[in-house]
PDB file of N, CA and C in Angstrom:
ATOM      1  N   MET A   1      92.846 -37.134 -11.446  1.00  0.00           N
ATOM      2  CA  MET A   1      92.694 -37.210 -12.956  1.00  0.00           C
ATOM      3  C   MET A   1      91.446 -36.372 -13.014  1.00  0.00           C
ATOM      4  N   ILE A   2      90.450 -36.511 -12.444  1.00  0.00           N
ATOM      5  CA  ILE A   2      89.490 -36.097 -12.692  1.00  0.00           C
ATOM      6  C   ILE A   2      89.476 -34.470 -12.681  1.00  0.00           C
ATOM      7  N   VAL A   3      90.156 -33.745 -11.397  1.00  0.00           N
ATOM      8  CA  VAL A   3      90.029 -32.594 -11.122  1.00  0.00           C
ATOM      9  C   VAL A   3      91.150 -31.872 -12.550  1.00  0.00           C
ATOM     10  N   ILE A   4      92.251 -32.808 -13.160  1.00  0.00           N
ATOM     11  CA  ILE A   4      92.504 -32.289 -14.140  1.00  0.00           C
ATOM     12  C   ILE A   4      91.957 -31.945 -15.454  1.00  0.00           C
ATOM     13  N   THR A   5      91.069 -33.245 -15.371  1.00  0.00           N
ATOM     14  CA  THR A   5      90.347 -32.943 -16.817  1.00  0.00           C
ATOM     15  C   THR A   5      89.248 -32.098 -16.610  1.00  0.00           C
ATOM     16  N   VAL A   6      88.671 -31.712 -15.663  1.00  0.00           N
ATOM     17  CA  VAL A   6      87.670 -30.814 -15.628  1.00  0.00           C
ATOM     18  C   VAL A   6      88.343 -29.154 -15.619  1.00  0.00           C
ATOM     19  N   ALA A   7      89.376 -29.115 -15.007  1.00  0.00           N
ATOM     20  CA  ALA A   7      90.085 -27.895 -15.016  1.00  0.00           C
ATOM     21  C   ALA A   7      91.176 -27.587 -16.287  1.00  0.00           C
ATOM     22  N   ALA A   8      91.535 -28.450 -17.019  1.00  0.00           N
ATOM     23  CA  ALA A   8      92.599 -28.175 -18.243  1.00  0.00           C
ATOM     24  C   ALA A   8      92.161 -29.083 -19.610  1.00  0.00           C
ATOM     25  N   GLY A   9      91.124 -30.178 -19.532  1.00  0.00           N
ATOM     26  CA  GLY A   9      90.653 -30.514 -20.474  1.00  0.00           C
ATOM     27  C   GLY A   9      91.124 -32.033 -20.374  1.00  0.00           C
ATOM     28  N   PRO A  10      90.510 -33.134 -21.276  1.00  0.00           N
ATOM     29  CA  PRO A  10      90.919 -34.319 -21.475  1.00  0.00           C
ATOM     30  C   PRO A  10      92.445 -34.532 -21.996  1.00  0.00           C
ATOM     31  N   ARG A  11      92.859 -33.778 -22.768  1.00  0.00           N
ATOM     32  CA  ARG A  11      94.296 -33.764 -23.392  1.00  0.00           C
ATOM     33  C   ARG A  11      95.218 -33.691 -22.332  1.00  0.00           C
ATOM     34  N   MET A  12      95.094 -32.560 -21.069  1.00  0.00           N
ATOM     35  CA  MET A  12      95.865 -32.510 -20.503  1.00  0.00           C
ATOM     36  C   MET A  12      96.039 -33.767 -19.596  1.00  0.00           C
ATOM     37  N   ALA A  13      94.919 -34.255 -19.123  1.00  0.00           N
ATOM     38  CA  ALA A  13      94.803 -35.293 -17.995  1.00  0.00           C
ATOM     39  C   ALA A  13      95.368 -36.381 -18.635  1.00  0.00           C
ATOM     40  N   LEU A  14      95.318 -36.485 -20.211  1.00  0.00           N
ATOM     41  CA  LEU A  14      96.186 -37.839 -20.807  1.00  0.00           C
ATOM     42  C   LEU A  14      97.584 -37.767 -20.684  1.00  0.00           C
ATOM     43  N   ILE A  15      98.230 -36.526 -21.126  1.00  0.00           N
ATOM     44  CA  ILE A  15      99.561 -35.967 -21.035  1.00  0.00           C
ATOM     45  C   ILE A  15      99.864 -36.540 -19.529  1.00  0.00           C
ATOM     46  N   VAL A  16      99.005 -36.027 -18.351  1.00  0.00           N
ATOM     47  CA  VAL A  16      99.434 -36.323 -16.994  1.00  0.00           C
ATOM     48  C   VAL A  16      99.755 -37.630 -16.761  1.00  0.00           C
ATOM     49  N   ALA A  17      98.621 -38.535 -17.259  1.00  0.00           N
ATOM     50  CA  ALA A  17      98.461 -39.961 -16.972  1.00  0.00           C
ATOM     51  C   ALA A  17      99.970 -40.635 -17.703  1.00  0.00           C
ATOM     52  N   GLY A  18     100.191 -40.177 -18.956  1.00  0.00           N
ATOM     53  CA  GLY A  18     101.316 -40.720 -19.694  1.00  0.00           C
ATOM     54  C   GLY A  18     102.583 -40.630 -18.807  1.00  0.00           C
ATOM     55  N   CYS A  19     102.873 -39.362 -18.489  1.00  0.00           N
ATOM     56  CA  CYS A  19     104.234 -39.059 -17.679  1.00  0.00           C
ATOM     57  C   CYS A  19     103.873 -40.005 -16.376  1.00  0.00           C
ATOM     58  N   PHE A  20     103.169 -40.136 -15.752  1.00  0.00           N
ATOM     59  CA  PHE A  20     103.057 -41.067 -14.662  1.00  0.00           C
ATOM     60  C   PHE A  20     103.326 -42.575 -15.261  1.00  0.00           C
ATOM     61  N   THR A  21     102.533 -42.926 -15.893  1.00  0.00           N
ATOM     62  CA  THR A  21     102.914 -44.538 -16.824  1.00  0.00           C
ATOM     63  C   THR A  21     104.147 -44.294 -16.947  1.00  0.00           C
ATOM     64  N   ALA A  22     104.966 -43.654 -18.094  1.00  0.00           N
ATOM     65  CA  ALA A  22     106.128 -43.198 -18.158  1.00  0.00           C
ATOM     66  C   ALA A  22     107.373 -43.506 -17.107  1.00  0.00           C
ATOM     67  N   TRP A  23     107.194 -42.639 -16.128  1.00  0.00           N
ATOM     68  CA  TRP A  23     107.984 -42.902 -14.804  1.00  0.00           C
ATOM     69  C   TRP A  23     107.790 -44.173 -14.137  1.00  0.00           C
ATOM     70  N   PHE A  24     106.682 -44.767 -13.705  1.00  0.00           N
ATOM     71  CA  PHE A  24     106.613 -46.131 -13.317  1.00  0.00           C
ATOM     72  C   PHE A  24     107.204 -47.190 -14.255  1.00  0.00           C
ATOM     73  N   LEU A  25     107.020 -47.051 -15.512  1.00  0.00           N
ATOM     74  CA  LEU A  25     107.765 -48.039 -16.327  1.00  0.00           C
ATOM     75  C   LEU A  25     109.202 -48.104 -16.206  1.00  0.00           C
ATOM     76  N   LEU A  26     109.870 -46.698 -16.261  1.00  0.00           N
ATOM     77  CA  LEU A  26     111.152 -46.580 -15.921  1.00  0.00           C
ATOM     78  C   LEU A  26     111.695 -47.021 -14.641  1.00  0.00           C
ATOM     79  N   ALA A  27     111.013 -46.722 -13.705  1.00  0.00           N
ATOM     80  CA  ALA A  27     111.417 -46.794 -12.120  1.00  0.00           C
ATOM     81  C   ALA A  27     111.354 -48.683 -12.203  1.00  0.00           C
ATOM     82  N   VAL A  28     110.399 -49.485 -12.744  1.00  0.00           N
ATOM     83  CA  VAL A  28     110.231 -50.959 -12.886  1.00  0.00           C
ATOM     84  C   VAL A  28     111.422 -51.331 -13.610  1.00  0.00           C
ATOM     85  N   ILE A  29     112.132 -50.718 -14.762  1.00  0.00           N
ATOM     86  CA  ILE A  29     113.264 -51.281 -15.292  1.00  0.00           C
ATOM     87  C   ILE A  29     114.339 -51.108 -14.661  1.00  0.00           C
ATOM     88  N   VAL A  30     114.465 -50.004 -13.837  1.00  0.00           N
ATOM     89  CA  VAL A  30     115.664 -49.513 -13.105  1.00  0.00           C
ATOM     90  C   VAL A  30     115.811 -50.767 -11.698  1.00  0.00           C
ATOM     91  N   VAL A  31     114.481 -50.502 -11.006  1.00  0.00           N
ATOM     92  CA  VAL A  31     114.720 -51.806 -10.029  1.00  0.00           C
ATOM     93  C   VAL A  31     114.875 -53.268 -10.341  1.00  0.00           C
ATOM     94  N   TYR A  32     114.241 -53.604 -11.750  1.00  0.00           N
ATOM     95  CA  TYR A  32     114.634 -54.908 -12.161  1.00  0.00           C
ATOM     96  C   TYR A  32     116.172 -55.213 -12.542  1.00  0.00           C
ATOM     97  N   ILE A  33     116.787 -53.944 -12.957  1.00  0.00           N
ATOM     98  CA  ILE A  33     118.067 -54.018 -13.428  1.00  0.00           C
ATOM     99  C   ILE A  33     119.385 -54.216 -12.180  1.00  0.00           C
ATOM    100  N   ARG A  34     118.672 -53.602 -11.251  1.00  0.00           N
ATOM    101  CA  ARG A  34     119.353 -53.582 -10.057  1.00  0.00           C
ATOM    102  C   ARG A  34     119.015 -54.868  -9.095  1.00  0.00           C
ATOM    103  N   GLY A  35     118.449 -55.835  -9.530  1.00  0.00           N
ATOM    104  CA  GLY A  35     118.235 -56.685  -8.958  1.00  0.00           C
ATOM    105  C   GLY A  35     116.820 -56.922  -8.292  1.00  0.00           C
ATOM    106  N   GLY A  36     116.132 -56.411  -8.233  1.00  0.00           N
ATOM    107  CA  GLY A  36     114.734 -56.720  -7.820  1.00  0.00           C
ATOM    108  C   GLY A  36     113.721 -57.436  -8.762  1.00  0.00           C
ATOM    109  N   ARG A  37     113.160 -58.371  -8.199  1.00  0.00           N
ATOM    110  CA  ARG A  37     112.311 -59.334  -9.099  1.00  0.00           C
ATOM    111  C   ARG A  37     110.785 -59.607  -8.564  1.00  0.00           C
ATOM    112  N   GLY A  38     110.182 -59.493  -9.772  1.00  0.00           N
ATOM    113  CA  GLY A  38     108.625 -59.925  -9.345  1.00  0.00           C
ATOM    114  C   GLY A  38     107.633 -58.586  -8.976  1.00  0.00           C
ATOM    115  N   GLY A  39     107.017 -59.124  -7.576  1.00  0.00           N
ATOM    116  CA  GLY A  39     106.261 -58.207  -6.878  1.00  0.00           C
ATOM    117  C   GLY A  39     107.272 -57.175  -6.055  1.00  0.00           C
ATOM    118  N   GLU A  40     108.674 -57.556  -5.747  1.00  0.00           N
ATOM    119  CA  GLU A  40     108.962 -56.661  -4.952  1.00  0.00           C
ATOM    120  C   GLU A  40     109.774 -55.395  -6.239  1.00  0.00           C
ATOM    121  N   ALA A  41     110.065 -55.914  -7.587  1.00  0.00           N
ATOM    122  CA  ALA A  41     110.269 -54.836  -8.291  1.00  0.00           C
ATOM    123  C   ALA A  41     109.330 -53.662  -8.898  1.00  0.00           C
ATOM    124  N   LEU A  42     107.743 -54.373  -8.528  1.00  0.00           N
ATOM    125  CA  LEU A  42     106.335 -53.562  -8.750  1.00  0.00           C
ATOM    126  C   LEU A  42     106.466 -52.787  -7.595  1.00  0.00           C
ATOM    127  N   GLY A  43     106.601 -53.347  -6.569  1.00  0.00           N
ATOM    128  CA  GLY A  43     106.125 -52.640  -5.129  1.00  0.00           C
ATOM    129  C   GLY A  43     107.254 -51.552  -5.080  1.00  0.00           C
ATOM    130  N   ARG A  44     108.696 -51.452  -5.341  1.00  0.00           N
ATOM    131  CA  ARG A  44     109.494 -50.812  -5.046  1.00  0.00           C
ATOM    132  C   ARG A  44     109.380 -49.166  -6.257  1.00  0.00           C
ATOM    133  N   ALA A  45     108.618 -49.725  -7.049  1.00  0.00           N
ATOM    134  CA  ALA A  45     108.652 -48.968  -8.184  1.00  0.00           C
ATOM    135  C   ALA A  45     107.166 -48.020  -8.271  1.00  0.00           C
ATOM    136  N   TYR A  46     106.436 -48.512  -7.462  1.00  0.00           N
ATOM    137  CA  TYR A  46     105.162 -48.140  -7.009  1.00  0.00           C
ATOM    138  C   TYR A  46     105.292 -46.617  -6.139  1.00  0.00           C
ATOM    139  N   VAL A  47     106.226 -47.466  -5.252  1.00  0.00           N
ATOM    140  CA  VAL A  47     106.620 -46.373  -4.022  1.00  0.00           C
ATOM    141  C   VAL A  47     107.613 -45.324  -4.622  1.00  0.00           C
ATOM    142  N   ALA A  48     108.067 -45.639  -5.734  1.00  0.00           N
ATOM    143  CA  ALA A  48     109.136 -44.532  -6.418  1.00  0.00           C
ATOM    144  C   ALA A  48     108.314 -43.629  -7.139  1.00  0.00           C
ATOM    145  N   THR A  49     106.966 -43.963  -7.715  1.00  0.00           N
ATOM    146  CA  THR A  49     106.306 -43.241  -8.531  1.00  0.00           C
ATOM    147  C   THR A  49     105.434 -42.624  -7.525  1.00  0.00           C
ATOM    148  N   PHE A  50     104.599 -43.049  -6.760  1.00  0.00           N
ATOM    149  CA  PHE A  50     103.799 -42.994  -5.626  1.00  0.00           C
ATOM    150  C   PHE A  50     103.996 -42.540  -4.469  1.00  0.00           C
ATOM    151  N   TRP A  51     104.791 -41.851  -3.937  1.00  0.00           N
ATOM    152  CA  TRP A  51     105.799 -41.673  -2.591  1.00  0.00           C
ATOM    153  C   TRP A  51     104.911 -42.212  -1.457  1.00  0.00           C
ATOM    154  N   TRP A  52     103.531 -41.456  -1.579  1.00  0.00           N
ATOM    155  CA  TRP A  52     102.715 -41.741  -0.482  1.00  0.00           C
ATOM    156  C   TRP A  52     102.424 -43.108  -0.100  1.00  0.00           C
ATOM    157  N   GLY A  53     102.339 -44.025  -1.534  1.00  0.00           N
ATOM    158  CA  GLY A  53     102.239 -45.680  -1.195  1.00  0.00           C
ATOM    159  C   GLY A  53     102.880 -46.168  -0.162  1.00  0.00           C
ATOM    160  N   ASP A  54     104.172 -45.737   0.293  1.00  0.00           N
ATOM    161  CA  ASP A  54     104.794 -45.990   1.362  1.00  0.00           C
ATOM    162  C   ASP A  54     104.147 -46.177   2.662  1.00  0.00           C
ATOM    163  N   TYR A  55     103.010 -45.309   2.956  1.00  0.00           N
ATOM    164  CA  TYR A  55     102.444 -45.371   4.156  1.00  0.00           C
ATOM    165  C   TYR A  55     101.082 -45.890   4.380  1.00  0.00           C
ATOM    166  N   ILE A  56     100.933 -46.318   2.817  1.00  0.00           N
ATOM    167  CA  ILE A  56      99.629 -47.019   2.931  1.00  0.00           C
ATOM    168  C   ILE A  56      99.924 -48.733   2.942  1.00  0.00           C
ATOM    169  N   SER A  57     101.045 -49.095   2.161  1.00  0.00           N
ATOM    170  CA  SER A  57     100.996 -50.390   1.822  1.00  0.00           C
ATOM    171  C   SER A  57     102.253 -50.848   3.287  1.00  0.00           C
ATOM    172  N   PRO A  58     101.906 -52.113   3.758  1.00  0.00           N
ATOM    173  CA  PRO A  58     102.565 -52.720   4.842  1.00  0.00           C
ATOM    174  C   PRO A  58     103.935 -52.465   4.655  1.00  0.00           C
TER     175      PRO A  58
END
């Protein structure tokens, strides 16, 4: 986010952060509807939003 803020300004950084937040919330809702509960739903939504998280978390 710092790179986006420096390169394009704080407004663009807020737009990008808002897009990531909206995508994450949508992923949580979809996983929850499909049967994922609690931490599992959050973990799967995290991996769906930040695909690289699959390599970091066990």
